[in-house]
Amino acid sequence: MASSSGTKNNVGPPRALSRMMTRMPKRMLELPDDDENAVDSELVPPSLASIAPILRVANEIQKENPRVAYLCTL
């Protein structure tokens, strides 16, 4: 019978990495705005920062053209 002499089974990511992944800061994206009702900045995860303007336009045109807005989100 094998004893566990204090060694751990190293399955999965290291604990420090998993803690860091759950606490990643969100990136603020400043966008120019002409509409008074729209928000000047949006919180987006770092992985979506490059497509944030496309998602914002999709939200703006949702009422006028829902099909195009849907395609923008794909």
Protein backbone atom coordinates (compact mmCIF):
# COMPACT_ATOMS: atom_id res chain seq x y z
CA MET A 1 0.00 0.00 0.00
CA ALA A 2 1.44 3.38 -0.97
CA SER A 3 1.51 6.18 1.54
CA SER A 4 0.72 9.77 0.64
CA SER A 5 3.74 11.26 2.46
CA GLY A 6 2.54 14.82 1.83
CA THR A 7 2.79 14.83 -1.98
CA LYS A 8 -0.06 16.29 -3.96
CA ASN A 9 -1.49 15.11 -7.23
CA ASN A 10 -0.69 17.90 -9.72
CA VAL A 11 -3.86 17.78 -11.79
CA GLY A 12 -5.12 21.00 -13.36
CA PRO A 13 -3.65 24.50 -13.36
CA PRO A 14 -1.54 25.77 -10.45
CA ARG A 15 -3.56 27.46 -7.72
CA ALA A 16 -1.95 30.87 -8.26
CA LEU A 17 -2.91 30.80 -11.94
CA SER A 18 -6.53 29.87 -11.26
CA ARG A 19 -6.85 32.68 -8.68
CA MET A 20 -5.37 35.15 -11.15
CA MET A 21 -7.79 34.10 -13.87
CA THR A 22 -10.82 34.78 -11.69
CA ARG A 23 -9.57 38.23 -10.70
CA MET A 24 -8.55 39.57 -14.13
CA PRO A 25 -9.41 43.28 -14.39
CA LYS A 26 -11.82 44.40 -17.06
CA ARG A 27 -10.59 46.87 -19.62
CA MET A 28 -12.26 50.28 -19.95
CA LEU A 29 -12.97 51.22 -23.53
CA GLU A 30 -13.54 54.90 -24.28
CA LEU A 31 -15.72 55.51 -27.32
CA PRO A 32 -16.78 58.83 -28.85
CA ASP A 33 -20.50 59.39 -28.43
CA ASP A 34 -23.00 61.71 -30.12
CA ASP A 35 -26.13 60.34 -28.45
CA GLU A 36 -26.98 61.68 -24.98
CA ASN A 37 -28.59 58.41 -23.85
CA ALA A 38 -25.63 56.18 -24.67
CA VAL A 39 -22.88 55.37 -22.20
CA ASP A 40 -19.46 57.00 -22.80
CA SER A 41 -17.48 53.97 -21.70
CA GLU A 42 -18.19 50.26 -21.53
CA LEU A 43 -16.72 47.47 -19.46
CA VAL A 44 -15.64 44.54 -21.58
CA PRO A 45 -13.44 41.54 -20.85
CA PRO A 46 -9.95 41.89 -22.32
CA SER A 47 -10.69 39.12 -24.82
CA LEU A 48 -13.60 41.13 -26.31
CA ALA A 49 -11.93 44.56 -26.36
CA SER A 50 -11.16 44.37 -30.08
CA ILE A 51 -14.82 43.74 -31.03
CA ALA A 52 -16.44 46.08 -28.50
CA PRO A 53 -17.22 48.74 -31.15
CA ILE A 54 -18.99 46.11 -33.27
CA LEU A 55 -21.05 44.94 -30.29
CA ARG A 56 -21.95 48.54 -29.48
CA VAL A 57 -23.20 49.16 -33.03
CA ALA A 58 -25.18 45.93 -32.85
CA ASN A 59 -26.95 47.26 -29.75
CA GLU A 60 -27.62 50.61 -31.44
CA ILE A 61 -29.21 49.11 -34.57
CA GLN A 62 -31.14 46.35 -32.78
CA LYS A 63 -34.53 48.12 -33.10
CA GLU A 64 -34.04 49.30 -36.70
CA ASN A 65 -32.57 46.12 -38.16
CA PRO A 66 -32.54 43.12 -35.80
CA ARG A 67 -31.14 40.72 -38.42
CA VAL A 68 -28.04 42.82 -39.03
CA ALA A 69 -27.61 43.33 -35.28
CA TYR A 70 -27.73 39.57 -34.78
CA LEU A 71 -25.11 39.01 -37.48
CA CYS A 72 -22.82 41.55 -35.78
CA THR A 73 -22.80 39.43 -32.64
CA LEU A 74 -21.60 36.26 -34.41
